[in-house]
Amino acid sequence: MLFKDIQGLDSIKNTLIQSVKNNHVAHAQLFHGNVGSANLALAWAYATYINCEDKQENDSCGKCASCSKMGKLIHPDFHHIFPTATTKKLKKLILSLICLCGVIF
């Protein structure tokens, strides 16, 4: 995901880009908002920009090895963590799927 793929939110995108340019990236970021907002897209675009090997003025290059891995969701330094809801009946199945997918919770 690149910043150019996200409509609007220019001030937020500029703030995130400036944090990288100023070498002032926080150890943790929280992207919070309503369902259907651009929070997840912004987080992916920001992570792509941070890891990009050939950063452009206002976005990631989208072509380097790091951007390619981020685009395929296989970058070794980027981990997805999603909540799951379980019941006593489903707990074993959910844990099996987590182990199978290699997702860390």
PDB file of N, CA and C in Angstrom:
ATOM      1  N   MET A   1       0.848  -1.168   0.000  1.00  0.00           N
ATOM      2  CA  MET A   1       0.000   0.000   0.000  1.00  0.00           C
ATOM      3  C   MET A   1       0.895   1.233   0.000  1.00  0.00           C
ATOM      4  N   LEU A   2       0.574   2.172  -0.874  1.00  0.00           N
ATOM      5  CA  LEU A   2       1.301   3.428  -0.955  1.00  0.00           C
ATOM      6  C   LEU A   2       0.392   4.568  -0.527  1.00  0.00           C
ATOM      7  N   PHE A   3       0.982   5.666  -0.082  1.00  0.00           N
ATOM      8  CA  PHE A   3       0.189   6.819   0.321  1.00  0.00           C
ATOM      9  C   PHE A   3      -0.676   7.334  -0.830  1.00  0.00           C
ATOM     10  N   LYS A   4      -0.165   7.251  -2.061  1.00  0.00           N
ATOM     11  CA  LYS A   4      -0.938   7.770  -3.205  1.00  0.00           C
ATOM     12  C   LYS A   4      -2.217   6.967  -3.444  1.00  0.00           C
ATOM     13  N   ASP A   5      -2.304   5.755  -2.913  1.00  0.00           N
ATOM     14  CA  ASP A   5      -3.489   4.922  -3.077  1.00  0.00           C
ATOM     15  C   ASP A   5      -4.600   5.296  -2.100  1.00  0.00           C
ATOM     16  N   ILE A   6      -4.307   6.184  -1.162  1.00  0.00           N
ATOM     17  CA  ILE A   6      -5.278   6.579  -0.137  1.00  0.00           C
ATOM     18  C   ILE A   6      -5.812   7.964  -0.482  1.00  0.00           C
ATOM     19  N   GLN A   7      -7.115   8.067  -0.652  1.00  0.00           N
ATOM     20  CA  GLN A   7      -7.750   9.344  -0.995  1.00  0.00           C
ATOM     21  C   GLN A   7      -7.771  10.274   0.206  1.00  0.00           C
ATOM     22  N   GLY A   8      -7.464  11.543  -0.015  1.00  0.00           N
ATOM     23  CA  GLY A   8      -7.549  12.547   1.039  1.00  0.00           C
ATOM     24  C   GLY A   8      -6.538  12.333   2.140  1.00  0.00           C
ATOM     25  N   LEU A   9      -6.835  12.825   3.320  1.00  0.00           N
ATOM     26  CA  LEU A   9      -6.004  12.697   4.517  1.00  0.00           C
ATOM     27  C   LEU A   9      -4.586  13.204   4.296  1.00  0.00           C
ATOM     28  N   ASP A  10      -4.448  14.242   3.477  1.00  0.00           N
ATOM     29  CA  ASP A  10      -3.126  14.750   3.126  1.00  0.00           C
ATOM     30  C   ASP A  10      -2.336  15.232   4.338  1.00  0.00           C
ATOM     31  N   SER A  11      -2.995  15.878   5.283  1.00  0.00           N
ATOM     32  CA  SER A  11      -2.258  16.389   6.455  1.00  0.00           C
ATOM     33  C   SER A  11      -1.712  15.237   7.301  1.00  0.00           C
ATOM     34  N   ILE A  12      -2.486  14.169   7.439  1.00  0.00           N
ATOM     35  CA  ILE A  12      -2.020  13.012   8.204  1.00  0.00           C
ATOM     36  C   ILE A  12      -0.861  12.330   7.479  1.00  0.00           C
ATOM     37  N   LYS A  13      -1.005  12.164   6.174  1.00  0.00           N
ATOM     38  CA  LYS A  13       0.071  11.540   5.396  1.00  0.00           C
ATOM     39  C   LYS A  13       1.344  12.380   5.489  1.00  0.00           C
ATOM     40  N   ASN A  14       1.218  13.705   5.387  1.00  0.00           N
ATOM     41  CA  ASN A  14       2.392  14.573   5.490  1.00  0.00           C
ATOM     42  C   ASN A  14       3.043  14.481   6.862  1.00  0.00           C
ATOM     43  N   THR A  15       2.239  14.394   7.917  1.00  0.00           N
ATOM     44  CA  THR A  15       2.778  14.257   9.272  1.00  0.00           C
ATOM     45  C   THR A  15       3.574  12.966   9.404  1.00  0.00           C
ATOM     46  N   LEU A  16       3.038  11.871   8.877  1.00  0.00           N
ATOM     47  CA  LEU A  16       3.736  10.585   8.943  1.00  0.00           C
ATOM     48  C   LEU A  16       5.038  10.622   8.143  1.00  0.00           C
ATOM     49  N   ILE A  17       4.996  11.213   6.964  1.00  0.00           N
ATOM     50  CA  ILE A  17       6.192  11.303   6.119  1.00  0.00           C
ATOM     51  C   ILE A  17       7.246  12.174   6.787  1.00  0.00           C
ATOM     52  N   GLN A  18       6.823  13.299   7.366  1.00  0.00           N
ATOM     53  CA  GLN A  18       7.770  14.198   8.039  1.00  0.00           C
ATOM     54  C   GLN A  18       8.417  13.535   9.252  1.00  0.00           C
ATOM     55  N   SER A  19       7.677  12.665   9.935  1.00  0.00           N
ATOM     56  CA  SER A  19       8.269  11.979  11.087  1.00  0.00           C
ATOM     57  C   SER A  19       9.443  11.105  10.653  1.00  0.00           C
ATOM     58  N   VAL A  20       9.334  10.499   9.476  1.00  0.00           N
ATOM     59  CA  VAL A  20      10.431   9.675   8.957  1.00  0.00           C
ATOM     60  C   VAL A  20      11.581  10.568   8.506  1.00  0.00           C
ATOM     61  N   LYS A  21      11.257  11.643   7.783  1.00  0.00           N
ATOM     62  CA  LYS A  21      12.303  12.548   7.288  1.00  0.00           C
ATOM     63  C   LYS A  21      13.064  13.200   8.428  1.00  0.00           C
ATOM     64  N   ASN A  22      12.377  13.500   9.535  1.00  0.00           N
ATOM     65  CA  ASN A  22      13.012  14.133  10.683  1.00  0.00           C
ATOM     66  C   ASN A  22      13.642  13.122  11.635  1.00  0.00           C
ATOM     67  N   ASN A  23      13.607  11.849  11.229  1.00  0.00           N
ATOM     68  CA  ASN A  23      14.161  10.768  12.051  1.00  0.00           C
ATOM     69  C   ASN A  23      13.555  10.779  13.456  1.00  0.00           C
ATOM     70  N   HIS A  24      12.236  10.950  13.491  1.00  0.00           N
ATOM     71  CA  HIS A  24      11.512  11.028  14.759  1.00  0.00           C
ATOM     72  C   HIS A  24      10.310  10.080  14.729  1.00  0.00           C
ATOM     73  N   VAL A  25      10.571   8.816  14.440  1.00  0.00           N
ATOM     74  CA  VAL A  25       9.516   7.802  14.373  1.00  0.00           C
ATOM     75  C   VAL A  25       9.356   7.192  15.762  1.00  0.00           C
ATOM     76  N   ALA A  26       8.144   7.234  16.271  1.00  0.00           N
ATOM     77  CA  ALA A  26       7.870   6.683  17.597  1.00  0.00           C
ATOM     78  C   ALA A  26       8.031   5.165  17.581  1.00  0.00           C
ATOM     79  N   HIS A  27       8.297   4.596  18.744  1.00  0.00           N
ATOM     80  CA  HIS A  27       8.492   3.143  18.834  1.00  0.00           C
ATOM     81  C   HIS A  27       7.186   2.395  18.600  1.00  0.00           C
ATOM     82  N   ALA A  28       6.057   3.078  18.726  1.00  0.00           N
ATOM     83  CA  ALA A  28       4.754   2.449  18.492  1.00  0.00           C
ATOM     84  C   ALA A  28       3.805   3.490  17.921  1.00  0.00           C
ATOM     85  N   GLN A  29       2.914   3.045  17.072  1.00  0.00           N
ATOM     86  CA  GLN A  29       1.910   3.923  16.481  1.00  0.00           C
ATOM     87  C   GLN A  29       0.554   3.263  16.657  1.00  0.00           C
ATOM     88  N   LEU A  30      -0.463   4.064  16.932  1.00  0.00           N
ATOM     89  CA  LEU A  30      -1.826   3.556  17.050  1.00  0.00           C
ATOM     90  C   LEU A  30      -2.675   4.250  16.006  1.00  0.00           C
ATOM     91  N   PHE A  31      -3.232   3.474  15.101  1.00  0.00           N
ATOM     92  CA  PHE A  31      -4.130   3.997  14.074  1.00  0.00           C
ATOM     93  C   PHE A  31      -5.532   3.564  14.465  1.00  0.00           C
ATOM     94  N   HIS A  32      -6.340   4.505  14.910  1.00  0.00           N
ATOM     95  CA  HIS A  32      -7.656   4.190  15.448  1.00  0.00           C
ATOM     96  C   HIS A  32      -8.725   4.969  14.700  1.00  0.00           C
ATOM     97  N   GLY A  33      -9.847   4.326  14.449  1.00  0.00           N
ATOM     98  CA  GLY A  33     -10.955   5.003  13.789  1.00  0.00           C
ATOM     99  C   GLY A  33     -12.112   4.070  13.563  1.00  0.00           C
ATOM    100  N   ASN A  34     -13.105   4.572  12.894  1.00  0.00           N
ATOM    101  CA  ASN A  34     -14.306   3.793  12.620  1.00  0.00           C
ATOM    102  C   ASN A  34     -14.030   2.687  11.603  1.00  0.00           C
ATOM    103  N   VAL A  35     -14.887   1.682  11.624  1.00  0.00           N
ATOM    104  CA  VAL A  35     -14.803   0.610  10.632  1.00  0.00           C
ATOM    105  C   VAL A  35     -14.985   1.223   9.248  1.00  0.00           C
ATOM    106  N   GLY A  36     -14.131   0.839   8.327  1.00  0.00           N
ATOM    107  CA  GLY A  36     -14.217   1.355   6.969  1.00  0.00           C
ATOM    108  C   GLY A  36     -13.382   2.602   6.737  1.00  0.00           C
ATOM    109  N   SER A  37     -12.740   3.105   7.794  1.00  0.00           N
ATOM    110  CA  SER A  37     -11.870   4.271   7.609  1.00  0.00           C
ATOM    111  C   SER A  37     -10.546   3.803   7.011  1.00  0.00           C
ATOM    112  N   ALA A  38      -9.666   4.729   6.766  1.00  0.00           N
ATOM    113  CA  ALA A  38      -8.395   4.405   6.112  1.00  0.00           C
ATOM    114  C   ALA A  38      -7.301   4.036   7.099  1.00  0.00           C
ATOM    115  N   ASN A  39      -7.649   3.677   8.311  1.00  0.00           N
ATOM    116  CA  ASN A  39      -6.631   3.409   9.334  1.00  0.00           C
ATOM    117  C   ASN A  39      -5.684   2.284   8.956  1.00  0.00           C
ATOM    118  N   LEU A  40      -6.216   1.164   8.537  1.00  0.00           N
ATOM    119  CA  LEU A  40      -5.364   0.034   8.178  1.00  0.00           C
ATOM    120  C   LEU A  40      -4.520   0.371   6.952  1.00  0.00           C
ATOM    121  N   ALA A  41      -5.116   1.026   5.982  1.00  0.00           N
ATOM    122  CA  ALA A  41      -4.379   1.430   4.784  1.00  0.00           C
ATOM    123  C   ALA A  41      -3.254   2.403   5.135  1.00  0.00           C
ATOM    124  N   LEU A  42      -3.534   3.365   6.022  1.00  0.00           N
ATOM    125  CA  LEU A  42      -2.499   4.305   6.451  1.00  0.00           C
ATOM    126  C   LEU A  42      -1.365   3.588   7.174  1.00  0.00           C
ATOM    127  N   ALA A  43      -1.699   2.639   8.022  1.00  0.00           N
ATOM    128  CA  ALA A  43      -0.672   1.892   8.748  1.00  0.00           C
ATOM    129  C   ALA A  43       0.218   1.119   7.775  1.00  0.00           C
ATOM    130  N   TRP A  44      -0.385   0.479   6.786  1.00  0.00           N
ATOM    131  CA  TRP A  44       0.406  -0.259   5.786  1.00  0.00           C
ATOM    132  C   TRP A  44       1.262   0.683   4.950  1.00  0.00           C
ATOM    133  N   ALA A  45       0.697   1.803   4.536  1.00  0.00           N
ATOM    134  CA  ALA A  45       1.455   2.766   3.735  1.00  0.00           C
ATOM    135  C   ALA A  45       2.620   3.342   4.543  1.00  0.00           C
ATOM    136  N   TYR A  46       2.381   3.624   5.811  1.00  0.00           N
ATOM    137  CA  TYR A  46       3.422   4.161   6.686  1.00  0.00           C
ATOM    138  C   TYR A  46       4.539   3.132   6.880  1.00  0.00           C
ATOM    139  N   ALA A  47       4.175   1.893   7.141  1.00  0.00           N
ATOM    140  CA  ALA A  47       5.173   0.830   7.304  1.00  0.00           C
ATOM    141  C   ALA A  47       5.955   0.626   6.005  1.00  0.00           C
ATOM    142  N   THR A  48       5.273   0.714   4.882  1.00  0.00           N
ATOM    143  CA  THR A  48       5.948   0.587   3.589  1.00  0.00           C
ATOM    144  C   THR A  48       6.946   1.718   3.411  1.00  0.00           C
ATOM    145  N   TYR A  49       6.533   2.941   3.754  1.00  0.00           N
ATOM    146  CA  TYR A  49       7.423   4.098   3.621  1.00  0.00           C
ATOM    147  C   TYR A  49       8.641   3.977   4.545  1.00  0.00           C
ATOM    148  N   ILE A  50       8.420   3.554   5.770  1.00  0.00           N
ATOM    149  CA  ILE A  50       9.531   3.408   6.720  1.00  0.00           C
ATOM    150  C   ILE A  50      10.554   2.403   6.197  1.00  0.00           C
ATOM    151  N   ASN A  51      10.089   1.305   5.629  1.00  0.00           N
ATOM    152  CA  ASN A  51      10.979   0.228   5.179  1.00  0.00           C
ATOM    153  C   ASN A  51      11.501   0.402   3.758  1.00  0.00           C
ATOM    154  N   CYS A  52      10.980   1.368   3.022  1.00  0.00           N
ATOM    155  CA  CYS A  52      11.372   1.566   1.615  1.00  0.00           C
ATOM    156  C   CYS A  52      12.867   1.868   1.507  1.00  0.00           C
ATOM    157  N   GLU A  53      13.500   1.262   0.523  1.00  0.00           N
ATOM    158  CA  GLU A  53      14.935   1.441   0.307  1.00  0.00           C
ATOM    159  C   GLU A  53      15.246   2.624  -0.605  1.00  0.00           C
ATOM    160  N   ASP A  54      14.236   3.170  -1.279  1.00  0.00           N
ATOM    161  CA  ASP A  54      14.419   4.294  -2.207  1.00  0.00           C
ATOM    162  C   ASP A  54      13.251   5.266  -2.044  1.00  0.00           C
ATOM    163  N   LYS A  55      13.153   5.863  -0.856  1.00  0.00           N
ATOM    164  CA  LYS A  55      12.028   6.757  -0.555  1.00  0.00           C
ATOM    165  C   LYS A  55      11.979   7.915  -1.538  1.00  0.00           C
ATOM    166  N   GLN A  56      10.789   8.234  -2.019  1.00  0.00           N
ATOM    167  CA  GLN A  56      10.560   9.393  -2.860  1.00  0.00           C
ATOM    168  C   GLN A  56      10.190  10.564  -1.959  1.00  0.00           C
ATOM    169  N   GLU A  57       9.961  11.723  -2.527  1.00  0.00           N
ATOM    170  CA  GLU A  57       9.657  12.915  -1.737  1.00  0.00           C
ATOM    171  C   GLU A  57       8.407  12.731  -0.881  1.00  0.00           C
ATOM    172  N   ASN A  58       7.339  12.158  -1.463  1.00  0.00           N
ATOM    173  CA  ASN A  58       6.072  12.057  -0.736  1.00  0.00           C
ATOM    174  C   ASN A  58       5.491  10.647  -0.689  1.00  0.00           C
ATOM    175  N   ASP A  59       6.294   9.648  -1.006  1.00  0.00           N
ATOM    176  CA  ASP A  59       5.766   8.278  -0.998  1.00  0.00           C
ATOM    177  C   ASP A  59       6.898   7.269  -1.124  1.00  0.00           C
ATOM    178  N   SER A  60       6.556   6.022  -0.956  1.00  0.00           N
ATOM    179  CA  SER A  60       7.504   4.930  -1.172  1.00  0.00           C
ATOM    180  C   SER A  60       7.731   4.768  -2.667  1.00  0.00           C
ATOM    181  N   CYS A  61       8.822   4.113  -3.033  1.00  0.00           N
ATOM    182  CA  CYS A  61       9.101   3.918  -4.462  1.00  0.00           C
ATOM    183  C   CYS A  61       8.160   2.894  -5.080  1.00  0.00           C
ATOM    184  N   GLY A  62       7.761   1.895  -4.293  1.00  0.00           N
ATOM    185  CA  GLY A  62       6.869   0.858  -4.805  1.00  0.00           C
ATOM    186  C   GLY A  62       7.565  -0.186  -5.654  1.00  0.00           C
ATOM    187  N   LYS A  63       8.889  -0.086  -5.792  1.00  0.00           N
ATOM    188  CA  LYS A  63       9.612  -0.990  -6.687  1.00  0.00           C
ATOM    189  C   LYS A  63      10.740  -1.768  -6.015  1.00  0.00           C
ATOM    190  N   CYS A  64      11.270  -1.268  -4.926  1.00  0.00           N
ATOM    191  CA  CYS A  64      12.415  -1.932  -4.295  1.00  0.00           C
ATOM    192  C   CYS A  64      11.983  -3.272  -3.681  1.00  0.00           C
ATOM    193  N   ALA A  65      12.957  -4.040  -3.224  1.00  0.00           N
ATOM    194  CA  ALA A  65      12.659  -5.351  -2.642  1.00  0.00           C
ATOM    195  C   ALA A  65      11.748  -5.229  -1.425  1.00  0.00           C
ATOM    196  N   SER A  66      11.991  -4.217  -0.603  1.00  0.00           N
ATOM    197  CA  SER A  66      11.170  -4.027   0.595  1.00  0.00           C
ATOM    198  C   SER A  66       9.733  -3.684   0.227  1.00  0.00           C
ATOM    199  N   CYS A  67       9.540  -2.783  -0.716  1.00  0.00           N
ATOM    200  CA  CYS A  67       8.184  -2.412  -1.151  1.00  0.00           C
ATOM    201  C   CYS A  67       7.465  -3.604  -1.780  1.00  0.00           C
ATOM    202  N   SER A  68       8.209  -4.394  -2.528  1.00  0.00           N
ATOM    203  CA  SER A  68       7.623  -5.585  -3.141  1.00  0.00           C
ATOM    204  C   SER A  68       7.149  -6.568  -2.080  1.00  0.00           C
ATOM    205  N   LYS A  69       7.965  -6.775  -1.056  1.00  0.00           N
ATOM    206  CA  LYS A  69       7.576  -7.683   0.030  1.00  0.00           C
ATOM    207  C   LYS A  69       6.386  -7.127   0.806  1.00  0.00           C
ATOM    208  N   MET A  70       6.370  -5.820   1.049  1.00  0.00           N
ATOM    209  CA  MET A  70       5.237  -5.204   1.746  1.00  0.00           C
ATOM    210  C   MET A  70       3.965  -5.352   0.916  1.00  0.00           C
ATOM    211  N   GLY A  71       4.074  -5.203  -0.388  1.00  0.00           N
ATOM    212  CA  GLY A  71       2.919  -5.348  -1.269  1.00  0.00           C
ATOM    213  C   GLY A  71       2.349  -6.755  -1.269  1.00  0.00           C
ATOM    214  N   LYS A  72       3.214  -7.732  -1.042  1.00  0.00           N
ATOM    215  CA  LYS A  72       2.784  -9.131  -0.989  1.00  0.00           C
ATOM    216  C   LYS A  72       2.464  -9.583   0.432  1.00  0.00           C
ATOM    217  N   LEU A  73       2.612  -8.664   1.403  1.00  0.00           N
ATOM    218  CA  LEU A  73       2.375  -8.941   2.823  1.00  0.00           C
ATOM    219  C   LEU A  73       3.290 -10.043   3.353  1.00  0.00           C
ATOM    220  N   ILE A  74       4.543 -10.065   2.871  1.00  0.00           N
ATOM    221  CA  ILE A  74       5.493 -11.091   3.319  1.00  0.00           C
ATOM    222  C   ILE A  74       6.779 -10.476   3.864  1.00  0.00           C
ATOM    223  N   HIS A  75       6.766  -9.191   4.187  1.00  0.00           N
ATOM    224  CA  HIS A  75       7.980  -8.543   4.717  1.00  0.00           C
ATOM    225  C   HIS A  75       8.286  -9.132   6.094  1.00  0.00           C
ATOM    226  N   PRO A  76       9.530  -9.567   6.326  1.00  0.00           N
ATOM    227  CA  PRO A  76       9.851 -10.227   7.590  1.00  0.00           C
ATOM    228  C   PRO A  76       9.796  -9.311   8.815  1.00  0.00           C
ATOM    229  N   ASP A  77       9.821  -7.998   8.614  1.00  0.00           N
ATOM    230  CA  ASP A  77       9.792  -7.065   9.738  1.00  0.00           C
ATOM    231  C   ASP A  77       8.406  -6.478   9.992  1.00  0.00           C
ATOM    232  N   PHE A  78       7.404  -6.976   9.309  1.00  0.00           N
ATOM    233  CA  PHE A  78       6.047  -6.456   9.471  1.00  0.00           C
ATOM    234  C   PHE A  78       5.126  -7.611   9.840  1.00  0.00           C
ATOM    235  N   HIS A  79       4.531  -7.535  11.017  1.00  0.00           N
ATOM    236  CA  HIS A  79       3.697  -8.622  11.516  1.00  0.00           C
ATOM    237  C   HIS A  79       2.257  -8.139  11.686  1.00  0.00           C
ATOM    238  N   HIS A  80       1.320  -8.934  11.224  1.00  0.00           N
ATOM    239  CA  HIS A  80      -0.095  -8.628  11.364  1.00  0.00           C
ATOM    240  C   HIS A  80      -0.626  -9.338  12.602  1.00  0.00           C
ATOM    241  N   ILE A  81      -1.329  -8.597  13.424  1.00  0.00           N
ATOM    242  CA  ILE A  81      -1.931  -9.180  14.614  1.00  0.00           C
ATOM    243  C   ILE A  81      -3.409  -8.810  14.602  1.00  0.00           C
ATOM    244  N   PHE A  82      -4.257  -9.809  14.535  1.00  0.00           N
ATOM    245  CA  PHE A  82      -5.697  -9.582  14.487  1.00  0.00           C
ATOM    246  C   PHE A  82      -6.351 -10.280  15.671  1.00  0.00           C
ATOM    247  N   PRO A  83      -7.334  -9.633  16.286  1.00  0.00           N
ATOM    248  CA  PRO A  83      -8.033 -10.293  17.397  1.00  0.00           C
ATOM    249  C   PRO A  83      -8.923 -11.421  16.891  1.00  0.00           C
ATOM    250  N   THR A  84      -9.127 -12.408  17.734  1.00  0.00           N
ATOM    251  CA  THR A  84     -10.044 -13.496  17.403  1.00  0.00           C
ATOM    252  C   THR A  84     -10.999 -13.697  18.564  1.00  0.00           C
ATOM    253  N   ALA A  85     -12.170 -14.151  18.252  1.00  0.00           N
ATOM    254  CA  ALA A  85     -13.159 -14.479  19.279  1.00  0.00           C
ATOM    255  C   ALA A  85     -13.281 -15.996  19.318  1.00  0.00           C
ATOM    256  N   THR A  86     -13.202 -16.556  20.504  1.00  0.00           N
ATOM    257  CA  THR A  86     -13.282 -18.008  20.625  1.00  0.00           C
ATOM    258  C   THR A  86     -14.383 -18.398  21.604  1.00  0.00           C
ATOM    259  N   THR A  87     -14.791 -19.622  21.482  1.00  0.00           N
ATOM    260  CA  THR A  87     -15.679 -20.243  22.461  1.00  0.00           C
ATOM    261  C   THR A  87     -14.991 -21.523  22.893  1.00  0.00           C
ATOM    262  N   LYS A  88     -15.507 -22.183  23.906  1.00  0.00           N
ATOM    263  CA  LYS A  88     -14.894 -23.442  24.336  1.00  0.00           C
ATOM    264  C   LYS A  88     -14.874 -24.438  23.193  1.00  0.00           C
ATOM    265  N   LYS A  89     -15.905 -24.419  22.381  1.00  0.00           N
ATOM    266  CA  LYS A  89     -16.019 -25.358  21.275  1.00  0.00           C
ATOM    267  C   LYS A  89     -15.026 -25.032  20.143  1.00  0.00           C
ATOM    268  N   LEU A  90     -14.780 -23.746  19.907  1.00  0.00           N
ATOM    269  CA  LEU A  90     -13.930 -23.336  18.794  1.00  0.00           C
ATOM    270  C   LEU A  90     -12.469 -23.094  19.179  1.00  0.00           C
ATOM    271  N   LYS A  91     -12.145 -23.100  20.451  1.00  0.00           N
ATOM    272  CA  LYS A  91     -10.807 -22.731  20.897  1.00  0.00           C
ATOM    273  C   LYS A  91      -9.709 -23.567  20.241  1.00  0.00           C
ATOM    274  N   LYS A  92      -9.868 -24.864  20.185  1.00  0.00           N
ATOM    275  CA  LYS A  92      -8.847 -25.732  19.599  1.00  0.00           C
ATOM    276  C   LYS A  92      -8.690 -25.439  18.104  1.00  0.00           C
ATOM    277  N   LEU A  93      -9.791 -25.237  17.397  1.00  0.00           N
ATOM    278  CA  LEU A  93      -9.727 -24.937  15.962  1.00  0.00           C
ATOM    279  C   LEU A  93      -9.016 -23.610  15.722  1.00  0.00           C
ATOM    280  N   ILE A  94      -9.351 -22.587  16.487  1.00  0.00           N
ATOM    281  CA  ILE A  94      -8.724 -21.280  16.323  1.00  0.00           C
ATOM    282  C   ILE A  94      -7.227 -21.361  16.586  1.00  0.00           C
ATOM    283  N   LEU A  95      -6.828 -22.029  17.659  1.00  0.00           N
ATOM    284  CA  LEU A  95      -5.404 -22.168  17.959  1.00  0.00           C
ATOM    285  C   LEU A  95      -4.685 -22.936  16.866  1.00  0.00           C
ATOM    286  N   SER A  96      -5.337 -23.927  16.283  1.00  0.00           N
ATOM    287  CA  SER A  96      -4.729 -24.675  15.183  1.00  0.00           C
ATOM    288  C   SER A  96      -4.530 -23.780  13.968  1.00  0.00           C
ATOM    289  N   LEU A  97      -5.508 -22.942  13.671  1.00  0.00           N
ATOM    290  CA  LEU A  97      -5.393 -22.050  12.526  1.00  0.00           C
ATOM    291  C   LEU A  97      -4.310 -21.010  12.757  1.00  0.00           C
ATOM    292  N   ILE A  98      -4.185 -20.522  13.981  1.00  0.00           N
ATOM    293  CA  ILE A  98      -3.142 -19.547  14.294  1.00  0.00           C
ATOM    294  C   ILE A  98      -1.776 -20.176  14.085  1.00  0.00           C
ATOM    295  N   CYS A  99      -1.572 -21.376  14.573  1.00  0.00           N
ATOM    296  CA  CYS A  99      -0.285 -22.060  14.409  1.00  0.00           C
ATOM    297  C   CYS A  99      -0.016 -22.372  12.941  1.00  0.00           C
ATOM    298  N   LEU A 100      -1.039 -22.751  12.207  1.00  0.00           N
ATOM    299  CA  LEU A 100      -0.889 -23.088  10.800  1.00  0.00           C
ATOM    300  C   LEU A 100      -0.488 -21.872   9.997  1.00  0.00           C
ATOM    301  N   CYS A 101      -1.066 -20.722  10.295  1.00  0.00           N
ATOM    302  CA  CYS A 101      -0.784 -19.508   9.535  1.00  0.00           C
ATOM    303  C   CYS A 101       0.491 -18.825   9.993  1.00  0.00           C
ATOM    304  N   GLY A 102       1.004 -19.212  11.135  1.00  0.00           N
ATOM    305  CA  GLY A 102       2.217 -18.574  11.639  1.00  0.00           C
ATOM    306  C   GLY A 102       1.967 -17.200  12.213  1.00  0.00           C
ATOM    307  N   VAL A 103       0.764 -16.909  12.600  1.00  0.00           N
ATOM    308  CA  VAL A 103       0.429 -15.598  13.158  1.00  0.00           C
ATOM    309  C   VAL A 103       0.690 -15.636  14.651  1.00  0.00           C
ATOM    310  N   ILE A 104       1.281 -14.566  15.153  1.00  0.00           N
ATOM    311  CA  ILE A 104       1.574 -14.486  16.582  1.00  0.00           C
ATOM    312  C   ILE A 104       0.546 -13.596  17.247  1.00  0.00           C
ATOM    313  N   PHE A 105      -0.068 -14.099  18.310  1.00  0.00           N
ATOM    314  CA  PHE A 105      -1.044 -13.318  19.068  1.00  0.00           C
ATOM    315  C   PHE A 105      -0.550 -13.129  20.461  1.00  0.00           C
TER     316      PHE A 105
END
